Amino acid sequence: MLNLKLSRSLYHLVAIKKAIKAYSHLADISLIKLKKHYLIKFKSVNNQFKLSLKDEFCNYVLALGKSQQ
């Protein structure tokens, strides 16, 4: 399992939810809302993408967030 912690002040919830949908074919992804962060959990990750999944997911969320502004 991979975990990713995203700051609520930098990442938009709507963008995170869209990214989870877009990346759902690569892993089982869940979202937990914490006080200052969002915790993203990746389970059953496709082995081909284990090394780059978190970085690519973050980039995608940032791009989605920027397009929503």
N, C-alpha and C. Protein backbone atom coordinates (compact mmCIF):
# COMPACT_ATOMS: atom_id res chain seq x y z
N MET A 1 0.84 -1.18 0.00
CA MET A 1 0.00 0.00 0.00
C MET A 1 0.89 1.24 0.00
N LEU A 2 0.47 2.24 -0.78
CA LEU A 2 1.14 3.52 -0.82
C LEU A 2 0.24 4.57 -0.19
N ASN A 3 0.83 5.49 0.57
CA ASN A 3 0.08 6.58 1.17
C ASN A 3 0.63 7.91 0.68
N LEU A 4 -0.26 8.86 0.54
CA LEU A 4 0.11 10.19 0.08
C LEU A 4 -0.65 11.21 0.92
N LYS A 5 0.06 12.19 1.44
CA LYS A 5 -0.54 13.23 2.27
C LYS A 5 -0.49 14.54 1.49
N LEU A 6 -1.65 15.13 1.23
CA LEU A 6 -1.73 16.38 0.48
C LEU A 6 -2.29 17.49 1.36
N SER A 7 -1.66 18.63 1.32
CA SER A 7 -2.08 19.78 2.12
C SER A 7 -3.41 20.32 1.62
N ARG A 8 -4.31 20.58 2.53
CA ARG A 8 -5.61 21.15 2.16
C ARG A 8 -5.47 22.56 1.60
N SER A 9 -4.40 23.25 1.98
CA SER A 9 -4.22 24.62 1.51
C SER A 9 -3.69 24.67 0.07
N LEU A 10 -3.14 23.57 -0.44
CA LEU A 10 -2.58 23.55 -1.79
C LEU A 10 -3.41 22.76 -2.79
N TYR A 11 -4.14 21.77 -2.31
CA TYR A 11 -4.86 20.85 -3.20
C TYR A 11 -6.37 21.00 -3.00
N HIS A 12 -7.09 21.07 -4.11
CA HIS A 12 -8.54 21.22 -4.08
C HIS A 12 -9.22 19.86 -4.04
N LEU A 13 -10.21 19.72 -3.18
CA LEU A 13 -10.91 18.45 -3.01
C LEU A 13 -11.55 17.96 -4.31
N VAL A 14 -12.16 18.85 -5.05
CA VAL A 14 -12.80 18.45 -6.31
C VAL A 14 -11.76 17.87 -7.27
N ALA A 15 -10.59 18.48 -7.34
CA ALA A 15 -9.52 17.99 -8.21
C ALA A 15 -9.03 16.61 -7.74
N ILE A 16 -8.93 16.42 -6.44
CA ILE A 16 -8.51 15.13 -5.91
C ILE A 16 -9.51 14.05 -6.28
N LYS A 17 -10.79 14.34 -6.13
CA LYS A 17 -11.82 13.36 -6.47
C LYS A 17 -11.81 13.02 -7.95
N LYS A 18 -11.57 14.01 -8.81
CA LYS A 18 -11.49 13.74 -10.25
C LYS A 18 -10.26 12.88 -10.56
N ALA A 19 -9.15 13.16 -9.89
CA ALA A 19 -7.93 12.38 -10.11
C ALA A 19 -8.11 10.94 -9.64
N ILE A 20 -8.79 10.76 -8.53
CA ILE A 20 -9.06 9.40 -8.04
C ILE A 20 -9.85 8.62 -9.09
N LYS A 21 -10.83 9.25 -9.68
CA LYS A 21 -11.62 8.61 -10.73
C LYS A 21 -10.74 8.25 -11.94
N ALA A 22 -9.91 9.20 -12.34
CA ALA A 22 -9.06 9.01 -13.51
C ALA A 22 -8.00 7.93 -13.30
N TYR A 23 -7.52 7.77 -12.07
CA TYR A 23 -6.45 6.81 -11.77
C TYR A 23 -6.98 5.49 -11.20
N SER A 24 -8.27 5.33 -11.13
CA SER A 24 -8.85 4.15 -10.49
C SER A 24 -8.51 2.84 -11.21
N HIS A 25 -8.12 2.91 -12.47
CA HIS A 25 -7.74 1.69 -13.19
C HIS A 25 -6.33 1.21 -12.82
N LEU A 26 -5.58 2.04 -12.10
CA LEU A 26 -4.21 1.69 -11.71
C LEU A 26 -4.10 1.18 -10.28
N ALA A 27 -5.11 1.49 -9.45
CA ALA A 27 -5.08 1.08 -8.04
C ALA A 27 -6.47 1.29 -7.42
N ASP A 28 -6.67 0.69 -6.27
CA ASP A 28 -7.85 1.00 -5.45
C ASP A 28 -7.45 2.20 -4.61
N ILE A 29 -8.14 3.31 -4.80
CA ILE A 29 -7.73 4.56 -4.16
C ILE A 29 -8.83 5.03 -3.21
N SER A 30 -8.41 5.39 -1.99
CA SER A 30 -9.36 5.92 -1.02
C SER A 30 -8.87 7.27 -0.51
N LEU A 31 -9.80 8.06 -0.03
CA LEU A 31 -9.53 9.42 0.44
C LEU A 31 -10.00 9.56 1.88
N ILE A 32 -9.12 10.07 2.73
CA ILE A 32 -9.47 10.35 4.12
C ILE A 32 -9.19 11.83 4.37
N LYS A 33 -10.18 12.53 4.89
CA LYS A 33 -10.02 13.96 5.18
C LYS A 33 -9.50 14.13 6.61
N LEU A 34 -8.33 14.71 6.73
CA LEU A 34 -7.74 15.03 8.03
C LEU A 34 -7.89 16.53 8.27
N LYS A 35 -7.47 16.99 9.43
CA LYS A 35 -7.65 18.40 9.78
C LYS A 35 -6.97 19.34 8.79
N LYS A 36 -5.68 19.10 8.50
CA LYS A 36 -4.93 19.98 7.61
C LYS A 36 -4.51 19.33 6.30
N HIS A 37 -4.83 18.06 6.15
CA HIS A 37 -4.39 17.31 4.97
C HIS A 37 -5.48 16.39 4.46
N TYR A 38 -5.25 15.92 3.25
CA TYR A 38 -6.02 14.81 2.69
C TYR A 38 -5.06 13.63 2.64
N LEU A 39 -5.49 12.49 3.11
CA LEU A 39 -4.68 11.28 3.05
C LEU A 39 -5.25 10.41 1.93
N ILE A 40 -4.40 10.13 0.95
CA ILE A 40 -4.78 9.29 -0.17
C ILE A 40 -4.10 7.95 0.01
N LYS A 41 -4.87 6.87 -0.04
CA LYS A 41 -4.33 5.52 0.11
C LYS A 41 -4.50 4.77 -1.20
N PHE A 42 -3.39 4.22 -1.68
CA PHE A 42 -3.38 3.43 -2.91
C PHE A 42 -3.18 1.97 -2.54
N LYS A 43 -4.14 1.13 -2.85
CA LYS A 43 -4.04 -0.31 -2.60
C LYS A 43 -4.11 -1.05 -3.93
N SER A 44 -3.58 -2.25 -3.95
CA SER A 44 -3.58 -3.09 -5.16
C SER A 44 -3.03 -2.32 -6.35
N VAL A 45 -1.88 -1.69 -6.14
CA VAL A 45 -1.28 -0.85 -7.18
C VAL A 45 -0.70 -1.73 -8.29
N ASN A 46 -0.98 -1.36 -9.52
CA ASN A 46 -0.41 -2.02 -10.68
C ASN A 46 1.12 -1.92 -10.57
N ASN A 47 1.81 -3.05 -10.60
CA ASN A 47 3.27 -3.08 -10.40
C ASN A 47 4.03 -2.19 -11.37
N GLN A 48 3.52 -2.04 -12.55
CA GLN A 48 4.18 -1.23 -13.57
C GLN A 48 4.26 0.25 -13.14
N PHE A 49 3.38 0.69 -12.26
CA PHE A 49 3.30 2.10 -11.91
C PHE A 49 3.66 2.42 -10.45
N LYS A 50 4.12 1.44 -9.70
CA LYS A 50 4.39 1.65 -8.27
C LYS A 50 5.37 2.78 -7.99
N LEU A 51 6.40 2.91 -8.80
CA LEU A 51 7.43 3.91 -8.54
C LEU A 51 7.00 5.34 -8.87
N SER A 52 6.11 5.49 -9.83
CA SER A 52 5.77 6.84 -10.28
C SER A 52 4.34 7.27 -9.95
N LEU A 53 3.53 6.39 -9.43
CA LEU A 53 2.11 6.69 -9.25
C LEU A 53 1.85 7.92 -8.38
N LYS A 54 2.51 8.01 -7.24
CA LYS A 54 2.25 9.14 -6.34
C LYS A 54 2.64 10.48 -6.98
N ASP A 55 3.79 10.53 -7.63
CA ASP A 55 4.23 11.77 -8.28
C ASP A 55 3.30 12.18 -9.41
N GLU A 56 2.93 11.21 -10.23
CA GLU A 56 2.04 11.51 -11.35
C GLU A 56 0.65 11.93 -10.86
N PHE A 57 0.18 11.28 -9.80
CA PHE A 57 -1.11 11.63 -9.22
C PHE A 57 -1.09 13.08 -8.72
N CYS A 58 -0.03 13.45 -8.00
CA CYS A 58 0.11 14.83 -7.49
C CYS A 58 0.11 15.85 -8.63
N ASN A 59 0.88 15.57 -9.67
CA ASN A 59 0.93 16.47 -10.82
C ASN A 59 -0.44 16.63 -11.46
N TYR A 60 -1.15 15.54 -11.58
CA TYR A 60 -2.48 15.57 -12.19
C TYR A 60 -3.45 16.40 -11.34
N VAL A 61 -3.40 16.20 -10.03
CA VAL A 61 -4.28 16.97 -9.14
C VAL A 61 -3.96 18.46 -9.22
N LEU A 62 -2.69 18.81 -9.25
CA LEU A 62 -2.30 20.22 -9.36
C LEU A 62 -2.79 20.82 -10.67
N ALA A 63 -2.65 20.08 -11.75
CA ALA A 63 -3.10 20.58 -13.06
C ALA A 63 -4.62 20.77 -13.06
N LEU A 64 -5.34 19.82 -12.49
CA LEU A 64 -6.80 19.95 -12.41
C LEU A 64 -7.19 21.15 -11.55
N GLY A 65 -6.49 21.33 -10.44
CA GLY A 65 -6.78 22.46 -9.56
C GLY A 65 -6.54 23.79 -10.23
N LYS A 66 -5.48 23.87 -11.00
CA LYS A 66 -5.15 25.11 -11.70
C LYS A 66 -6.20 25.43 -12.75
N SER A 67 -6.70 24.41 -13.43
CA SER A 67 -7.71 24.63 -14.47
C SER A 67 -9.06 25.05 -13.89
N GLN A 68 -9.27 24.80 -12.60
CA GLN A 68 -10.53 25.15 -11.95
C GLN A 68 -10.54 26.58 -11.43
N GLN A 69 -9.39 27.22 -11.41
CA GLN A 69 -9.31 28.58 -10.87
C GLN A 69 -9.85 29.60 -11.83
